[in-house]
Protein backbone atom coordinates (compact mmCIF):
# COMPACT_ATOMS: atom_id res chain seq x y z
CA MET A 1 -33.26 -5.67 14.60
CA SER A 2 -29.70 -6.53 15.51
CA SER A 3 -26.84 -4.08 14.98
CA VAL A 4 -25.15 -6.57 12.66
CA ASN A 5 -28.18 -6.79 10.41
CA TYR A 6 -28.29 -3.03 10.17
CA SER A 7 -24.56 -2.71 9.48
CA LEU A 8 -24.47 -5.44 6.91
CA LYS A 9 -27.13 -3.76 4.75
CA HIS A 10 -24.52 -1.27 3.66
CA LYS A 11 -23.38 -2.31 0.18
CA ASP A 12 -19.67 -1.98 0.98
CA VAL A 13 -19.68 -4.58 3.75
CA ARG A 14 -17.73 -7.70 2.75
CA LEU A 15 -16.57 -10.90 4.40
CA ILE A 16 -12.86 -10.60 4.97
CA PRO A 17 -10.66 -13.64 5.58
CA SER A 18 -8.73 -13.59 8.76
CA GLU A 19 -5.37 -13.36 6.96
CA LYS A 20 -6.34 -9.93 5.57
CA ALA A 21 -8.20 -8.73 8.76
CA TRP A 22 -5.12 -9.02 10.97
CA SER A 23 -1.72 -7.31 10.56
CA LYS A 24 1.36 -7.23 12.66
CA THR A 25 2.70 -4.26 14.74
CA LYS A 26 6.35 -3.23 14.78
CA ASN A 27 6.83 -5.59 17.68
CA GLY A 28 5.38 -8.50 15.82
CA LYS A 29 2.14 -8.67 17.83
CA PRO A 30 -1.10 -9.16 15.85
CA LYS A 31 -3.61 -6.29 15.62
CA LEU A 32 -6.76 -5.69 13.55
CA ASN A 33 -5.81 -4.27 10.18
CA SER A 34 -6.32 -0.50 10.11
CA ASP A 35 -7.28 -0.66 6.39
CA TYR A 36 -10.71 -2.09 7.34
CA HIS A 37 -13.47 -0.98 9.62
CA ILE A 38 -14.27 -4.33 11.23
CA ILE A 39 -17.98 -4.74 12.14
CA GLY A 40 -18.16 -8.35 13.41
CA LYS A 41 -16.53 -11.77 13.45
CA ILE A 42 -18.01 -15.17 12.54
CA ASP A 43 -16.45 -18.29 13.88
CA ALA A 44 -17.01 -21.86 12.53
CA ARG A 45 -17.14 -23.17 16.09
CA LEU A 46 -20.15 -20.93 16.68
CA PRO A 47 -21.65 -20.99 13.19
CA ASN A 48 -24.88 -19.10 13.78
CA MET A 49 -23.45 -16.30 15.99
CA ILE A 50 -21.73 -13.05 15.09
CA VAL A 51 -19.70 -11.39 17.73
CA SER A 52 -17.79 -8.10 17.89
CA ALA A 53 -14.17 -8.21 16.83
CA SER A 54 -11.60 -6.35 19.01
CA ASP A 55 -7.97 -6.44 19.90
CA LYS A 56 -8.47 -6.02 23.63
CA LYS A 57 -12.08 -6.21 24.76
CA LYS A 58 -14.09 -9.32 25.46
CA PRO A 59 -16.30 -10.04 22.40
CA LYS A 60 -19.91 -9.03 22.61
CA TYR A 61 -22.90 -10.68 20.92
CA LYS A 62 -23.89 -8.70 17.88
CA GLY A 63 -26.44 -10.88 16.19
CA ASN A 64 -27.06 -14.21 14.47
CA THR A 65 -26.79 -15.31 10.87
CA TYR A 66 -30.57 -15.76 10.53
CA ASP A 67 -30.96 -11.92 10.43
CA LEU A 68 -28.44 -11.49 7.62
CA ASN A 69 -29.41 -10.64 4.08
CA ARG A 70 -28.96 -13.08 1.20
CA GLU A 71 -25.68 -11.55 -0.01
CA ALA A 72 -24.04 -11.91 3.41
CA LYS A 73 -25.13 -15.52 3.74
CA LYS A 74 -23.71 -16.27 0.25
CA GLN A 75 -20.36 -14.73 1.26
CA ILE A 76 -20.24 -16.98 4.39
CA VAL A 77 -20.89 -20.10 2.37
CA ASP A 78 -18.36 -19.12 -0.31
CA HIS A 79 -15.73 -18.49 2.36
CA PHE A 80 -16.17 -21.65 4.51
CA TYR A 81 -16.87 -24.14 1.74
CA ASN A 82 -14.99 -25.05 -1.46
CA ASP A 83 -16.58 -25.70 -4.89
CA ASP A 84 -17.21 -29.34 -4.10
CA GLY A 85 -19.30 -28.46 -1.08
CA LYS A 86 -16.74 -29.61 1.47
CA ARG A 87 -15.47 -27.51 4.36
CA ASN A 88 -12.10 -25.85 3.90
CA ARG A 89 -9.56 -25.01 6.60
CA GLY A 90 -10.95 -21.51 7.25
CA THR A 91 -12.48 -21.21 10.73
CA VAL A 92 -12.82 -17.47 11.30
CA ALA A 93 -13.93 -14.59 9.07
CA TYR A 94 -14.67 -10.91 9.67
CA PHE A 95 -17.31 -8.59 8.27
CA GLY A 96 -15.80 -5.18 7.47
CA ILE A 97 -15.72 -2.20 5.19
CA LYS A 98 -12.51 -1.16 3.41
CA LYS A 99 -11.52 2.34 4.54
CA GLU A 100 -10.93 5.07 1.97
CA LYS A 101 -7.31 6.34 1.84
């Protein structure tokens, strides 16, 4: 069992668009949003692979989409395709859990 499959079984894990997953520092550099605990990243160029998401480290393989549960697969399709079944402009999305404040 991959670590992504285990992590995505938590009911609070959601697919987060890249616009919400990244924020800017005071210097204007992008960094992962501290409001979310990011578990993994899915890229449309590598559609069946989930890699770790990090600001600095080289991404690591975390699992593939075949191991995901039905809800996670539904979130992927809803994010990358519009209501007509055509691809939208989104190329990257993140799996994460919103942190409690």
